[in-house]
């Protein structure tokens, strides 16, 4: 069932039920290359496969960039 979540302030369609890892993959984001806050709570990458996303959830996603 398609629902909406807010990702970085933008409403995004998502197929629910869905884990955070599945959502990131659907958005063409590599789970190991991002830092995620889910409804105001920082999420450890080890939790991505089990963390469920629900309609109306708010996500803040930041890509990790290495450089020097």
N, C-alpha and C. Protein backbone atom coordinates (compact mmCIF):
# COMPACT_ATOMS: atom_id res chain seq x y z
N UNK A 1 0.84 -1.18 0.00
CA UNK A 1 0.00 0.00 0.00
C UNK A 1 0.88 1.24 0.00
N UNK A 2 0.65 2.16 -0.92
CA UNK A 2 1.44 3.37 -0.98
C UNK A 2 0.97 4.38 0.06
N UNK A 3 1.90 4.88 0.80
CA UNK A 3 1.67 5.91 1.82
C UNK A 3 2.73 6.98 1.63
N UNK A 4 2.73 7.96 2.51
CA UNK A 4 3.72 9.04 2.42
C UNK A 4 4.48 9.17 3.72
N UNK A 5 5.78 9.45 3.58
CA UNK A 5 6.63 9.84 4.69
C UNK A 5 7.29 11.16 4.30
N UNK A 6 7.84 11.83 5.29
CA UNK A 6 8.56 13.09 5.03
C UNK A 6 10.05 12.79 5.16
N UNK A 7 10.77 12.95 4.07
CA UNK A 7 12.22 12.71 4.06
C UNK A 7 12.92 14.01 3.71
N UNK A 8 13.70 14.52 4.64
CA UNK A 8 14.41 15.79 4.48
C UNK A 8 13.45 16.91 4.07
N UNK A 9 12.26 16.91 4.69
CA UNK A 9 11.28 17.96 4.46
C UNK A 9 10.43 17.79 3.22
N UNK A 10 10.60 16.69 2.49
CA UNK A 10 9.87 16.45 1.24
C UNK A 10 8.97 15.23 1.41
N UNK A 11 7.72 15.35 1.00
CA UNK A 11 6.79 14.23 1.05
C UNK A 11 7.17 13.22 -0.02
N UNK A 12 7.34 11.95 0.40
CA UNK A 12 7.80 10.89 -0.48
C UNK A 12 6.82 9.71 -0.40
N UNK A 13 6.43 9.17 -1.56
CA UNK A 13 5.60 7.96 -1.58
C UNK A 13 6.46 6.78 -1.19
N UNK A 14 5.88 5.90 -0.38
CA UNK A 14 6.60 4.69 0.05
C UNK A 14 5.60 3.53 0.08
N UNK A 15 6.08 2.36 -0.33
CA UNK A 15 5.28 1.14 -0.29
C UNK A 15 5.40 0.54 1.10
N UNK A 16 4.29 0.49 1.84
CA UNK A 16 4.30 -0.05 3.19
C UNK A 16 3.67 -1.43 3.21
N UNK A 17 4.10 -2.33 4.08
CA UNK A 17 5.12 -2.15 5.11
C UNK A 17 6.52 -2.09 4.51
N UNK A 18 7.41 -1.42 5.24
CA UNK A 18 8.75 -1.16 4.71
C UNK A 18 9.70 -0.93 5.88
N UNK A 19 10.91 -1.47 5.75
CA UNK A 19 11.95 -1.17 6.74
C UNK A 19 12.74 0.05 6.27
N UNK A 20 13.51 0.60 7.17
CA UNK A 20 14.36 1.73 6.81
C UNK A 20 15.36 1.33 5.74
N UNK A 21 15.92 0.13 5.83
CA UNK A 21 16.87 -0.34 4.81
C UNK A 21 16.21 -0.42 3.44
N UNK A 22 14.98 -0.94 3.40
CA UNK A 22 14.25 -1.03 2.12
C UNK A 22 13.94 0.35 1.56
N UNK A 23 13.58 1.28 2.44
CA UNK A 23 13.30 2.64 1.99
C UNK A 23 14.55 3.28 1.38
N UNK A 24 15.67 3.15 2.07
CA UNK A 24 16.91 3.75 1.57
C UNK A 24 17.28 3.17 0.21
N UNK A 25 17.17 1.86 0.07
CA UNK A 25 17.47 1.21 -1.21
C UNK A 25 16.54 1.71 -2.31
N UNK A 26 15.26 1.86 -1.99
CA UNK A 26 14.29 2.36 -2.98
C UNK A 26 14.60 3.79 -3.40
N UNK A 27 15.28 4.54 -2.53
CA UNK A 27 15.65 5.92 -2.84
C UNK A 27 17.05 6.01 -3.46
N UNK A 28 17.59 4.85 -3.83
CA UNK A 28 18.94 4.76 -4.42
C UNK A 28 20.02 5.29 -3.48
N UNK A 29 19.83 5.03 -2.19
CA UNK A 29 20.82 5.42 -1.19
C UNK A 29 21.44 4.17 -0.60
N UNK A 30 22.76 4.17 -0.48
CA UNK A 30 23.49 3.04 0.08
C UNK A 30 23.42 3.14 1.60
N UNK A 31 22.77 2.19 2.29
CA UNK A 31 22.59 2.30 3.74
C UNK A 31 23.86 2.57 4.54
N UNK A 32 24.99 2.07 4.08
CA UNK A 32 26.23 2.32 4.82
C UNK A 32 26.80 3.71 4.54
N UNK A 33 26.20 4.42 3.59
CA UNK A 33 26.71 5.74 3.24
C UNK A 33 25.87 6.89 3.75
N UNK A 34 24.96 6.61 4.71
CA UNK A 34 24.09 7.65 5.22
C UNK A 34 23.97 7.59 6.74
N UNK A 35 23.59 8.72 7.32
CA UNK A 35 23.22 8.83 8.72
C UNK A 35 21.75 9.18 8.72
N UNK A 36 20.95 8.50 9.57
CA UNK A 36 19.50 8.68 9.54
C UNK A 36 18.96 9.02 10.92
N UNK A 37 18.04 9.99 10.93
CA UNK A 37 17.26 10.31 12.11
C UNK A 37 15.81 9.98 11.77
N UNK A 38 15.17 9.17 12.59
CA UNK A 38 13.79 8.70 12.36
C UNK A 38 12.91 9.26 13.47
N UNK A 39 12.00 10.16 13.10
CA UNK A 39 11.12 10.80 14.08
C UNK A 39 11.91 11.40 15.24
N UNK A 40 13.04 12.06 14.91
CA UNK A 40 13.84 12.76 15.90
C UNK A 40 14.84 11.90 16.65
N UNK A 41 14.92 10.62 16.33
CA UNK A 41 15.82 9.71 17.01
C UNK A 41 16.88 9.19 16.04
N UNK A 42 18.16 9.34 16.42
CA UNK A 42 19.24 8.81 15.60
C UNK A 42 19.13 7.29 15.55
N UNK A 43 19.34 6.73 14.36
CA UNK A 43 19.22 5.29 14.16
C UNK A 43 20.58 4.71 13.79
N UNK A 44 21.01 3.70 14.53
CA UNK A 44 22.26 3.01 14.22
C UNK A 44 22.08 2.21 12.93
N UNK A 45 23.09 2.17 12.07
CA UNK A 45 22.97 1.40 10.83
C UNK A 45 22.57 -0.06 11.04
N UNK A 46 22.95 -0.63 12.17
CA UNK A 46 22.59 -2.02 12.45
C UNK A 46 21.08 -2.20 12.64
N UNK A 47 20.37 -1.09 12.91
CA UNK A 47 18.92 -1.14 13.09
C UNK A 47 18.14 -0.94 11.78
N UNK A 48 18.80 -0.50 10.71
CA UNK A 48 18.11 -0.20 9.45
C UNK A 48 17.25 -1.38 8.95
N UNK A 49 17.76 -2.63 8.99
CA UNK A 49 16.96 -3.75 8.46
C UNK A 49 15.72 -4.08 9.29
N UNK A 50 15.69 -3.68 10.56
CA UNK A 50 14.55 -4.03 11.41
C UNK A 50 13.66 -2.84 11.75
N UNK A 51 14.12 -1.62 11.51
CA UNK A 51 13.34 -0.43 11.86
C UNK A 51 12.21 -0.25 10.85
N UNK A 52 10.97 -0.33 11.31
CA UNK A 52 9.80 -0.19 10.44
C UNK A 52 9.46 1.29 10.25
N UNK A 53 9.08 1.62 9.02
CA UNK A 53 8.61 2.97 8.68
C UNK A 53 7.10 2.92 8.60
N UNK A 54 6.47 3.97 9.12
CA UNK A 54 5.01 4.06 9.12
C UNK A 54 4.59 5.35 8.41
N UNK A 55 3.37 5.37 7.90
CA UNK A 55 2.84 6.54 7.23
C UNK A 55 2.98 7.76 8.13
N UNK A 56 3.46 8.87 7.56
CA UNK A 56 3.61 10.11 8.30
C UNK A 56 4.91 10.26 9.05
N UNK A 57 5.75 9.22 9.06
CA UNK A 57 7.04 9.33 9.75
C UNK A 57 7.90 10.41 9.11
N UNK A 58 8.81 10.95 9.93
CA UNK A 58 9.74 11.97 9.46
C UNK A 58 11.15 11.41 9.49
N UNK A 59 11.85 11.53 8.37
CA UNK A 59 13.22 11.06 8.25
C UNK A 59 14.13 12.22 7.88
N UNK A 60 15.27 12.28 8.50
CA UNK A 60 16.34 13.19 8.08
C UNK A 60 17.49 12.29 7.67
N UNK A 61 17.93 12.44 6.42
CA UNK A 61 18.95 11.56 5.87
C UNK A 61 20.10 12.42 5.36
N UNK A 62 21.29 12.11 5.85
CA UNK A 62 22.49 12.85 5.45
C UNK A 62 23.48 11.86 4.85
N UNK A 63 23.95 12.16 3.66
CA UNK A 63 24.97 11.31 3.02
C UNK A 63 26.31 11.58 3.66
N UNK A 64 27.04 10.50 3.94
CA UNK A 64 28.37 10.59 4.51
C UNK A 64 29.35 10.69 3.34
N UNK A 65 30.19 11.72 3.39
CA UNK A 65 31.16 11.94 2.31
C UNK A 65 32.56 11.93 2.92
N UNK A 66 33.41 11.10 2.38
CA UNK A 66 34.80 11.04 2.84
C UNK A 66 35.65 11.95 1.96
N UNK A 67 36.62 12.52 2.53
CA UNK A 67 37.49 13.39 1.75
C UNK A 67 38.65 13.87 2.61
N UNK A 68 39.46 14.64 1.99
CA UNK A 68 40.61 15.09 2.77
C UNK A 68 41.22 16.31 2.17
